[in-house]
Amino acid sequence: MPEVPRQTDDVNWIPVVGALGLVVTTGDKLSQRAEWDAFKVARLRVIRIAARSDQSVWDTVQLLGGPWQRIVQFVAGSGPGSWLAVIDGAGALRMRTPSP
């Protein structure tokens, strides 16, 4: 993504991605205060993948690909950010309020 080079610190890419209106998929828990503050200010929309630490990239692709249409509908119905949803290992998607 040209607007955000690889290895950009979270607090620097979050505002850019939020301004573009994109939805982020991540395994990150947004547990740092600076990340959480940036998340709220940027009105970021995030789907956190709650997966095993040893999960392969292929397992993650399957986790997201299986319920993809449901994820698209969830995002469309969840309105503007900021919000955080979690998808678990079974593909269940639920809204969650993160805390630093």
PDB file of N, CA and C in Angstrom:
ATOM      1  N   MET A   1       0.854  -1.162   0.000  1.00  0.00           N
ATOM      2  CA  MET A   1       0.000   0.000   0.000  1.00  0.00           C
ATOM      3  C   MET A   1       0.905   1.231   0.000  1.00  0.00           C
ATOM      4  N   PRO A   2       0.900   2.015  -1.049  1.00  0.00           N
ATOM      5  CA  PRO A   2       1.856   3.125  -1.158  1.00  0.00           C
ATOM      6  C   PRO A   2       1.722   4.180  -0.062  1.00  0.00           C
ATOM      7  N   GLU A   3       0.520   4.359   0.465  1.00  0.00           N
ATOM      8  CA  GLU A   3       0.328   5.392   1.496  1.00  0.00           C
ATOM      9  C   GLU A   3       0.982   5.016   2.819  1.00  0.00           C
ATOM     10  N   VAL A   4       1.212   3.715   3.017  1.00  0.00           N
ATOM     11  CA  VAL A   4       1.771   3.233   4.285  1.00  0.00           C
ATOM     12  C   VAL A   4       2.871   2.208   3.986  1.00  0.00           C
ATOM     13  N   PRO A   5       4.127   2.617   4.035  1.00  0.00           N
ATOM     14  CA  PRO A   5       5.211   1.659   3.790  1.00  0.00           C
ATOM     15  C   PRO A   5       5.244   0.564   4.854  1.00  0.00           C
ATOM     16  N   ARG A   6       5.789  -0.587   4.489  1.00  0.00           N
ATOM     17  CA  ARG A   6       5.954  -1.689   5.455  1.00  0.00           C
ATOM     18  C   ARG A   6       6.746  -1.208   6.659  1.00  0.00           C
ATOM     19  N   GLN A   7       6.455  -1.803   7.784  1.00  0.00           N
ATOM     20  CA  GLN A   7       7.143  -1.523   9.049  1.00  0.00           C
ATOM     21  C   GLN A   7       6.810  -0.140   9.624  1.00  0.00           C
ATOM     22  N   THR A   8       5.758   0.501   9.135  1.00  0.00           N
ATOM     23  CA  THR A   8       5.330   1.786   9.697  1.00  0.00           C
ATOM     24  C   THR A   8       4.741   1.530  11.074  1.00  0.00           C
ATOM     25  N   ASP A   9       5.097   2.359  12.049  1.00  0.00           N
ATOM     26  CA  ASP A   9       4.562   2.214  13.401  1.00  0.00           C
ATOM     27  C   ASP A   9       3.037   2.344  13.382  1.00  0.00           C
ATOM     28  N   ASP A  10       2.389   1.583  14.271  1.00  0.00           N
ATOM     29  CA  ASP A  10       0.928   1.571  14.326  1.00  0.00           C
ATOM     30  C   ASP A  10       0.332   2.965  14.436  1.00  0.00           C
ATOM     31  N   VAL A  11       0.869   3.780  15.307  1.00  0.00           N
ATOM     32  CA  VAL A  11       0.287   5.110  15.519  1.00  0.00           C
ATOM     33  C   VAL A  11       0.416   5.992  14.282  1.00  0.00           C
ATOM     34  N   ASN A  12       1.276   5.608  13.336  1.00  0.00           N
ATOM     35  CA  ASN A  12       1.423   6.374  12.094  1.00  0.00           C
ATOM     36  C   ASN A  12       0.551   5.844  10.962  1.00  0.00           C
ATOM     37  N   TRP A  13       0.333   4.518  10.882  1.00  0.00           N
ATOM     38  CA  TRP A  13      -0.495   3.998   9.790  1.00  0.00           C
ATOM     39  C   TRP A  13      -1.981   4.031  10.116  1.00  0.00           C
ATOM     40  N   ILE A  14      -2.343   3.956  11.381  1.00  0.00           N
ATOM     41  CA  ILE A  14      -3.761   3.927  11.760  1.00  0.00           C
ATOM     42  C   ILE A  14      -4.527   5.146  11.234  1.00  0.00           C
ATOM     43  N   PRO A  15      -4.012   6.381  11.389  1.00  0.00           N
ATOM     44  CA  PRO A  15      -4.759   7.529  10.855  1.00  0.00           C
ATOM     45  C   PRO A  15      -4.907   7.503   9.330  1.00  0.00           C
ATOM     46  N   VAL A  16      -3.893   7.011   8.643  1.00  0.00           N
ATOM     47  CA  VAL A  16      -3.941   6.950   7.179  1.00  0.00           C
ATOM     48  C   VAL A  16      -5.023   5.963   6.729  1.00  0.00           C
ATOM     49  N   VAL A  17      -5.017   4.781   7.311  1.00  0.00           N
ATOM     50  CA  VAL A  17      -5.986   3.748   6.944  1.00  0.00           C
ATOM     51  C   VAL A  17      -7.399   4.177   7.333  1.00  0.00           C
ATOM     52  N   GLY A  18      -7.532   4.809   8.497  1.00  0.00           N
ATOM     53  CA  GLY A  18      -8.845   5.315   8.913  1.00  0.00           C
ATOM     54  C   GLY A  18      -9.380   6.353   7.942  1.00  0.00           C
ATOM     55  N   ALA A  19      -8.513   7.255   7.470  1.00  0.00           N
ATOM     56  CA  ALA A  19      -8.927   8.298   6.527  1.00  0.00           C
ATOM     57  C   ALA A  19      -9.348   7.706   5.184  1.00  0.00           C
ATOM     58  N   LEU A  20      -8.760   6.579   4.815  1.00  0.00           N
ATOM     59  CA  LEU A  20      -9.117   5.915   3.558  1.00  0.00           C
ATOM     60  C   LEU A  20     -10.411   5.102   3.680  1.00  0.00           C
ATOM     61  N   GLY A  21     -10.911   4.931   4.910  1.00  0.00           N
ATOM     62  CA  GLY A  21     -12.155   4.200   5.130  1.00  0.00           C
ATOM     63  C   GLY A  21     -12.028   2.691   4.996  1.00  0.00           C
ATOM     64  N   LEU A  22     -10.813   2.186   5.108  1.00  0.00           N
ATOM     65  CA  LEU A  22     -10.581   0.754   4.970  1.00  0.00           C
ATOM     66  C   LEU A  22     -10.906   0.019   6.264  1.00  0.00           C
ATOM     67  N   VAL A  23     -11.116  -1.275   6.155  1.00  0.00           N
ATOM     68  CA  VAL A  23     -11.311  -2.140   7.310  1.00  0.00           C
ATOM     69  C   VAL A  23     -10.025  -2.921   7.502  1.00  0.00           C
ATOM     70  N   VAL A  24      -9.533  -2.978   8.719  1.00  0.00           N
ATOM     71  CA  VAL A  24      -8.279  -3.660   9.043  1.00  0.00           C
ATOM     72  C   VAL A  24      -8.582  -5.045   9.599  1.00  0.00           C
ATOM     73  N   THR A  25      -7.852  -6.053   9.114  1.00  0.00           N
ATOM     74  CA  THR A  25      -7.877  -7.370   9.752  1.00  0.00           C
ATOM     75  C   THR A  25      -6.519  -7.565  10.386  1.00  0.00           C
ATOM     76  N   THR A  26      -6.513  -7.995  11.638  1.00  0.00           N
ATOM     77  CA  THR A  26      -5.256  -8.100  12.375  1.00  0.00           C
ATOM     78  C   THR A  26      -5.375  -9.129  13.486  1.00  0.00           C
ATOM     79  N   GLY A  27      -4.246  -9.583  13.957  1.00  0.00           N
ATOM     80  CA  GLY A  27      -4.197 -10.422  15.145  1.00  0.00           C
ATOM     81  C   GLY A  27      -3.851  -9.598  16.375  1.00  0.00           C
ATOM     82  N   ASP A  28      -3.552  -8.326  16.159  1.00  0.00           N
ATOM     83  CA  ASP A  28      -3.153  -7.422  17.232  1.00  0.00           C
ATOM     84  C   ASP A  28      -4.342  -7.123  18.142  1.00  0.00           C
ATOM     85  N   LYS A  29      -4.090  -7.037  19.433  1.00  0.00           N
ATOM     86  CA  LYS A  29      -5.170  -6.787  20.397  1.00  0.00           C
ATOM     87  C   LYS A  29      -5.384  -5.305  20.694  1.00  0.00           C
ATOM     88  N   LEU A  30      -4.627  -4.416  20.035  1.00  0.00           N
ATOM     89  CA  LEU A  30      -4.717  -2.974  20.311  1.00  0.00           C
ATOM     90  C   LEU A  30      -4.597  -2.719  21.812  1.00  0.00           C
ATOM     91  N   SER A  31      -3.583  -3.312  22.406  1.00  0.00           N
ATOM     92  CA  SER A  31      -3.459  -3.257  23.860  1.00  0.00           C
ATOM     93  C   SER A  31      -2.630  -2.072  24.363  1.00  0.00           C
ATOM     94  N   GLN A  32      -1.957  -1.374  23.486  1.00  0.00           N
ATOM     95  CA  GLN A  32      -1.158  -0.220  23.906  1.00  0.00           C
ATOM     96  C   GLN A  32      -2.023   1.041  23.903  1.00  0.00           C
ATOM     97  N   ARG A  33      -1.841   1.884  24.876  1.00  0.00           N
ATOM     98  CA  ARG A  33      -2.643   3.111  25.000  1.00  0.00           C
ATOM     99  C   ARG A  33      -2.540   3.965  23.738  1.00  0.00           C
ATOM    100  N   ALA A  34      -1.343   4.124  23.171  1.00  0.00           N
ATOM    101  CA  ALA A  34      -1.174   4.957  21.977  1.00  0.00           C
ATOM    102  C   ALA A  34      -1.942   4.375  20.789  1.00  0.00           C
ATOM    103  N   GLU A  35      -1.928   3.045  20.645  1.00  0.00           N
ATOM    104  CA  GLU A  35      -2.691   2.397  19.564  1.00  0.00           C
ATOM    105  C   GLU A  35      -4.186   2.647  19.749  1.00  0.00           C
ATOM    106  N   TRP A  36      -4.649   2.452  20.963  1.00  0.00           N
ATOM    107  CA  TRP A  36      -6.074   2.609  21.268  1.00  0.00           C
ATOM    108  C   TRP A  36      -6.520   4.035  20.996  1.00  0.00           C
ATOM    109  N   ASP A  37      -5.717   5.009  21.417  1.00  0.00           N
ATOM    110  CA  ASP A  37      -6.057   6.408  21.178  1.00  0.00           C
ATOM    111  C   ASP A  37      -6.108   6.709  19.681  1.00  0.00           C
ATOM    112  N   ALA A  38      -5.120   6.213  18.931  1.00  0.00           N
ATOM    113  CA  ALA A  38      -5.091   6.425  17.479  1.00  0.00           C
ATOM    114  C   ALA A  38      -6.300   5.758  16.822  1.00  0.00           C
ATOM    115  N   PHE A  39      -6.647   4.557  17.278  1.00  0.00           N
ATOM    116  CA  PHE A  39      -7.804   3.813  16.775  1.00  0.00           C
ATOM    117  C   PHE A  39      -9.077   4.642  16.919  1.00  0.00           C
ATOM    118  N   LYS A  40      -9.285   5.232  18.094  1.00  0.00           N
ATOM    119  CA  LYS A  40     -10.501   6.012  18.337  1.00  0.00           C
ATOM    120  C   LYS A  40     -10.521   7.286  17.497  1.00  0.00           C
ATOM    121  N   VAL A  41      -9.417   8.006  17.468  1.00  0.00           N
ATOM    122  CA  VAL A  41      -9.358   9.269  16.725  1.00  0.00           C
ATOM    123  C   VAL A  41      -9.558   9.038  15.226  1.00  0.00           C
ATOM    124  N   ALA A  42      -8.958   7.968  14.698  1.00  0.00           N
ATOM    125  CA  ALA A  42      -9.037   7.682  13.260  1.00  0.00           C
ATOM    126  C   ALA A  42     -10.358   7.035  12.859  1.00  0.00           C
ATOM    127  N   ARG A  43     -11.187   6.693  13.849  1.00  0.00           N
ATOM    128  CA  ARG A  43     -12.467   6.026  13.597  1.00  0.00           C
ATOM    129  C   ARG A  43     -12.255   4.756  12.769  1.00  0.00           C
ATOM    130  N   LEU A  44     -11.236   4.015  13.175  1.00  0.00           N
ATOM    131  CA  LEU A  44     -10.836   2.805  12.475  1.00  0.00           C
ATOM    132  C   LEU A  44     -11.830   1.679  12.688  1.00  0.00           C
ATOM    133  N   ARG A  45     -12.027   0.879  11.652  1.00  0.00           N
ATOM    134  CA  ARG A  45     -12.865  -0.316  11.713  1.00  0.00           C
ATOM    135  C   ARG A  45     -11.923  -1.515  11.660  1.00  0.00           C
ATOM    136  N   VAL A  46     -12.011  -2.376  12.679  1.00  0.00           N
ATOM    137  CA  VAL A  46     -11.041  -3.464  12.819  1.00  0.00           C
ATOM    138  C   VAL A  46     -11.760  -4.791  13.036  1.00  0.00           C
ATOM    139  N   ILE A  47     -11.290  -5.810  12.325  1.00  0.00           N
ATOM    140  CA  ILE A  47     -11.682  -7.186  12.614  1.00  0.00           C
ATOM    141  C   ILE A  47     -10.431  -7.881  13.129  1.00  0.00           C
ATOM    142  N   ARG A  48     -10.473  -8.236  14.415  1.00  0.00           N
ATOM    143  CA  ARG A  48      -9.330  -8.915  15.037  1.00  0.00           C
ATOM    144  C   ARG A  48      -9.525 -10.412  14.919  1.00  0.00           C
ATOM    145  N   ILE A  49      -8.478 -11.073  14.474  1.00  0.00           N
ATOM    146  CA  ILE A  49      -8.511 -12.522  14.323  1.00  0.00           C
ATOM    147  C   ILE A  49      -8.007 -13.137  15.620  1.00  0.00           C
ATOM    148  N   ALA A  50      -8.910 -13.748  16.359  1.00  0.00           N
ATOM    149  CA  ALA A  50      -8.550 -14.400  17.621  1.00  0.00           C
ATOM    150  C   ALA A  50      -8.200 -15.845  17.295  1.00  0.00           C
ATOM    151  N   ALA A  51      -6.949 -16.062  16.963  1.00  0.00           N
ATOM    152  CA  ALA A  51      -6.518 -17.383  16.518  1.00  0.00           C
ATOM    153  C   ALA A  51      -5.368 -17.882  17.385  1.00  0.00           C
ATOM    154  N   ARG A  52      -5.075 -19.131  17.202  1.00  0.00           N
ATOM    155  CA  ARG A  52      -3.946 -19.714  17.920  1.00  0.00           C
ATOM    156  C   ARG A  52      -2.656 -19.019  17.489  1.00  0.00           C
ATOM    157  N   SER A  53      -1.705 -18.937  18.385  1.00  0.00           N
ATOM    158  CA  SER A  53      -0.434 -18.291  18.053  1.00  0.00           C
ATOM    159  C   SER A  53       0.344 -19.078  17.003  1.00  0.00           C
ATOM    160  N   ASP A  54       0.081 -20.382  16.884  1.00  0.00           N
ATOM    161  CA  ASP A  54       0.792 -21.201  15.905  1.00  0.00           C
ATOM    162  C   ASP A  54      -0.005 -21.380  14.611  1.00  0.00           C
ATOM    163  N   GLN A  55      -1.044 -20.594  14.437  1.00  0.00           N
ATOM    164  CA  GLN A  55      -1.888 -20.739  13.252  1.00  0.00           C
ATOM    165  C   GLN A  55      -1.118 -20.319  12.007  1.00  0.00           C
ATOM    166  N   SER A  56      -1.225 -21.110  10.953  1.00  0.00           N
ATOM    167  CA  SER A  56      -0.523 -20.813   9.707  1.00  0.00           C
ATOM    168  C   SER A  56      -1.266 -19.737   8.918  1.00  0.00           C
ATOM    169  N   VAL A  57      -0.583 -19.180   7.934  1.00  0.00           N
ATOM    170  CA  VAL A  57      -1.223 -18.200   7.057  1.00  0.00           C
ATOM    171  C   VAL A  57      -2.404 -18.858   6.344  1.00  0.00           C
ATOM    172  N   TRP A  58      -2.246 -20.092   5.897  1.00  0.00           N
ATOM    173  CA  TRP A  58      -3.333 -20.790   5.208  1.00  0.00           C
ATOM    174  C   TRP A  58      -4.541 -20.962   6.128  1.00  0.00           C
ATOM    175  N   ASP A  59      -4.307 -21.301   7.397  1.00  0.00           N
ATOM    176  CA  ASP A  59      -5.418 -21.424   8.353  1.00  0.00           C
ATOM    177  C   ASP A  59      -6.162 -20.091   8.484  1.00  0.00           C
ATOM    178  N   THR A  60      -5.403 -19.002   8.493  1.00  0.00           N
ATOM    179  CA  THR A  60      -6.019 -17.678   8.608  1.00  0.00           C
ATOM    180  C   THR A  60      -6.833 -17.354   7.367  1.00  0.00           C
ATOM    181  N   VAL A  61      -6.307 -17.677   6.195  1.00  0.00           N
ATOM    182  CA  VAL A  61      -7.047 -17.450   4.947  1.00  0.00           C
ATOM    183  C   VAL A  61      -8.357 -18.233   4.971  1.00  0.00           C
ATOM    184  N   GLN A  62      -8.304 -19.476   5.402  1.00  0.00           N
ATOM    185  CA  GLN A  62      -9.522 -20.287   5.477  1.00  0.00           C
ATOM    186  C   GLN A  62     -10.506 -19.724   6.495  1.00  0.00           C
ATOM    187  N   LEU A  63      -9.994 -19.231   7.617  1.00  0.00           N
ATOM    188  CA  LEU A  63     -10.851 -18.664   8.653  1.00  0.00           C
ATOM    189  C   LEU A  63     -11.623 -17.459   8.118  1.00  0.00           C
ATOM    190  N   LEU A  64     -10.954 -16.607   7.350  1.00  0.00           N
ATOM    191  CA  LEU A  64     -11.607 -15.420   6.797  1.00  0.00           C
ATOM    192  C   LEU A  64     -12.417 -15.741   5.546  1.00  0.00           C
ATOM    193  N   GLY A  65     -11.932 -16.671   4.737  1.00  0.00           N
ATOM    194  CA  GLY A  65     -12.588 -16.979   3.465  1.00  0.00           C
ATOM    195  C   GLY A  65     -13.901 -17.708   3.616  1.00  0.00           C
ATOM    196  N   GLY A  66     -13.986 -18.596   4.593  1.00  0.00           N
ATOM    197  CA  GLY A  66     -15.217 -19.363   4.793  1.00  0.00           C
ATOM    198  C   GLY A  66     -16.431 -18.473   5.009  1.00  0.00           C
ATOM    199  N   PRO A  67     -16.382 -17.590   5.991  1.00  0.00           N
ATOM    200  CA  PRO A  67     -17.550 -16.727   6.251  1.00  0.00           C
ATOM    201  C   PRO A  67     -17.441 -15.352   5.584  1.00  0.00           C
ATOM    202  N   TRP A  68     -16.720 -15.248   4.461  1.00  0.00           N
ATOM    203  CA  TRP A  68     -16.434 -13.935   3.871  1.00  0.00           C
ATOM    204  C   TRP A  68     -17.705 -13.123   3.605  1.00  0.00           C
ATOM    205  N   GLN A  69     -18.726 -13.733   3.048  1.00  0.00           N
ATOM    206  CA  GLN A  69     -19.952 -12.988   2.764  1.00  0.00           C
ATOM    207  C   GLN A  69     -20.581 -12.457   4.050  1.00  0.00           C
ATOM    208  N   ARG A  70     -20.532 -13.248   5.104  1.00  0.00           N
ATOM    209  CA  ARG A  70     -21.052 -12.800   6.406  1.00  0.00           C
ATOM    210  C   ARG A  70     -20.223 -11.629   6.944  1.00  0.00           C
ATOM    211  N   ILE A  71     -18.902 -11.674   6.734  1.00  0.00           N
ATOM    212  CA  ILE A  71     -18.024 -10.581   7.171  1.00  0.00           C
ATOM    213  C   ILE A  71     -18.377  -9.303   6.409  1.00  0.00           C
ATOM    214  N   VAL A  72     -18.570  -9.413   5.099  1.00  0.00           N
ATOM    215  CA  VAL A  72     -18.930  -8.248   4.284  1.00  0.00           C
ATOM    216  C   VAL A  72     -20.251  -7.650   4.771  1.00  0.00           C
ATOM    217  N   GLN A  73     -21.231  -8.487   5.037  1.00  0.00           N
ATOM    218  CA  GLN A  73     -22.524  -8.006   5.531  1.00  0.00           C
ATOM    219  C   GLN A  73     -22.377  -7.362   6.911  1.00  0.00           C
ATOM    220  N   PHE A  74     -21.551  -7.945   7.764  1.00  0.00           N
ATOM    221  CA  PHE A  74     -21.311  -7.408   9.095  1.00  0.00           C
ATOM    222  C   PHE A  74     -20.713  -6.006   8.996  1.00  0.00           C
ATOM    223  N   VAL A  75     -19.689  -5.860   8.153  1.00  0.00           N
ATOM    224  CA  VAL A  75     -19.040  -4.558   7.983  1.00  0.00           C
ATOM    225  C   VAL A  75     -20.041  -3.536   7.456  1.00  0.00           C
ATOM    226  N   ALA A  76     -20.823  -3.916   6.448  1.00  0.00           N
ATOM    227  CA  ALA A  76     -21.803  -2.993   5.869  1.00  0.00           C
ATOM    228  C   ALA A  76     -22.846  -2.555   6.894  1.00  0.00           C
ATOM    229  N   GLY A  77     -23.213  -3.448   7.790  1.00  0.00           N
ATOM    230  CA  GLY A  77     -24.238  -3.136   8.776  1.00  0.00           C
ATOM    231  C   GLY A  77     -23.732  -2.518  10.066  1.00  0.00           C
ATOM    232  N   SER A  78     -22.425  -2.420  10.205  1.00  0.00           N
ATOM    233  CA  SER A  78     -21.854  -1.928  11.465  1.00  0.00           C
ATOM    234  C   SER A  78     -21.567  -0.440  11.473  1.00  0.00           C
ATOM    235  N   GLY A  79     -21.773   0.214  10.362  1.00  0.00           N
ATOM    236  CA  GLY A  79     -21.620   1.656  10.311  1.00  0.00           C
ATOM    237  C   GLY A  79     -20.174   2.114  10.348  1.00  0.00           C
ATOM    238  N   PRO A  80     -20.015   3.434  10.463  1.00  0.00           N
ATOM    239  CA  PRO A  80     -18.665   3.990  10.478  1.00  0.00           C
ATOM    240  C   PRO A  80     -17.942   3.614  11.764  1.00  0.00           C
ATOM    241  N   GLY A  81     -16.641   3.800  11.767  1.00  0.00           N
ATOM    242  CA  GLY A  81     -15.851   3.479  12.959  1.00  0.00           C
ATOM    243  C   GLY A  81     -15.967   4.590  13.976  1.00  0.00           C
ATOM    244  N   SER A  82     -15.385   4.386  15.079  1.00  0.00           N
ATOM    245  CA  SER A  82     -14.477   3.292  15.360  1.00  0.00           C
ATOM    246  C   SER A  82     -15.221   2.116  15.995  1.00  0.00           C
ATOM    247  N   TRP A  83     -14.841   0.919  15.519  1.00  0.00           N
ATOM    248  CA  TRP A  83     -15.364  -0.294  16.135  1.00  0.00           C
ATOM    249  C   TRP A  83     -14.363  -1.422  15.945  1.00  0.00           C
ATOM    250  N   LEU A  84     -14.511  -2.414  16.825  1.00  0.00           N
ATOM    251  CA  LEU A  84     -13.653  -3.595  16.797  1.00  0.00           C
ATOM    252  C   LEU A  84     -14.553  -4.819  16.862  1.00  0.00           C
ATOM    253  N   ALA A  85     -14.366  -5.731  15.928  1.00  0.00           N
ATOM    254  CA  ALA A  85     -15.067  -7.005  15.950  1.00  0.00           C
ATOM    255  C   ALA A  85     -14.015  -8.101  16.045  1.00  0.00           C
ATOM    256  N   VAL A  86     -14.396  -9.220  16.601  1.00  0.00           N
ATOM    257  CA  VAL A  86     -13.483 -10.351  16.755  1.00  0.00           C
ATOM    258  C   VAL A  86     -14.070 -11.542  16.031  1.00  0.00           C
ATOM    259  N   ILE A  87     -13.229 -12.225  15.251  1.00  0.00           N
ATOM    260  CA  ILE A  87     -13.630 -13.480  14.630  1.00  0.00           C
ATOM    261  C   ILE A  87     -12.830 -14.585  15.305  1.00  0.00           C
ATOM    262  N   ASP A  88     -13.533 -15.587  15.823  1.00  0.00           N
ATOM    263  CA  ASP A  88     -12.833 -16.642  16.558  1.00  0.00           C
ATOM    264  C   ASP A  88     -12.490 -17.811  15.636  1.00  0.00           C
ATOM    265  N   GLY A  89     -11.846 -18.807  16.172  1.00  0.00           N
ATOM    266  CA  GLY A  89     -11.390 -19.953  15.398  1.00  0.00           C
ATOM    267  C   GLY A  89     -12.499 -20.730  14.724  1.00  0.00           C
ATOM    268  N   ALA A  90     -13.730 -20.566  15.196  1.00  0.00           N
ATOM    269  CA  ALA A  90     -14.874 -21.245  14.586  1.00  0.00           C
ATOM    270  C   ALA A  90     -15.558 -20.383  13.528  1.00  0.00           C
ATOM    271  N   GLY A  91     -15.058 -19.152  13.337  1.00  0.00           N
ATOM    272  CA  GLY A  91     -15.655 -18.255  12.351  1.00  0.00           C
ATOM    273  C   GLY A  91     -16.764 -17.384  12.890  1.00  0.00           C
ATOM    274  N   ALA A  92     -17.005 -17.432  14.220  1.00  0.00           N
ATOM    275  CA  ALA A  92     -18.037 -16.583  14.825  1.00  0.00           C
ATOM    276  C   ALA A  92     -17.513 -15.150  14.919  1.00  0.00           C
ATOM    277  N   LEU A  93     -18.339 -14.204  14.517  1.00  0.00           N
ATOM    278  CA  LEU A  93     -17.969 -12.800  14.472  1.00  0.00           C
ATOM    279  C   LEU A  93     -18.826 -12.041  15.471  1.00  0.00           C
ATOM    280  N   ARG A  94     -18.182 -11.270  16.341  1.00  0.00           N
ATOM    281  CA  ARG A  94     -18.938 -10.502  17.337  1.00  0.00           C
ATOM    282  C   ARG A  94     -18.256  -9.162  17.602  1.00  0.00           C
ATOM    283  N   MET A  95     -19.071  -8.180  17.928  1.00  0.00           N
ATOM    284  CA  MET A  95     -18.561  -6.861  18.267  1.00  0.00           C
ATOM    285  C   MET A  95     -17.924  -6.929  19.636  1.00  0.00           C
ATOM    286  N   ARG A  96     -16.860  -6.170  19.810  1.00  0.00           N
ATOM    287  CA  ARG A  96     -16.169  -6.172  21.098  1.00  0.00           C
ATOM    288  C   ARG A  96     -15.656  -4.773  21.391  1.00  0.00           C
ATOM    289  N   THR A  97     -15.661  -4.406  22.640  1.00  0.00           N
ATOM    290  CA  THR A  97     -15.099  -3.133  23.046  1.00  0.00           C
ATOM    291  C   THR A  97     -13.699  -3.379  23.590  1.00  0.00           C
ATOM    292  N   PRO A  98     -12.676  -2.936  22.861  1.00  0.00           N
ATOM    293  CA  PRO A  98     -11.314  -3.167  23.326  1.00  0.00           C
ATOM    294  C   PRO A  98     -10.960  -2.208  24.450  1.00  0.00           C
ATOM    295  N   SER A  99      -9.983  -2.561  25.219  1.00  0.00           N
ATOM    296  CA  SER A  99      -9.489  -1.655  26.251  1.00  0.00           C
ATOM    297  C   SER A  99      -7.970  -1.768  26.306  1.00  0.00           C
ATOM    298  N   PRO A 100      -7.323  -0.637  26.498  1.00  0.00           N
ATOM    299  CA  PRO A 100      -5.852  -0.647  26.517  1.00  0.00           C
ATOM    300  C   PRO A 100      -5.304  -1.293  27.764  1.00  0.00           C
TER     301      PRO A 100
END
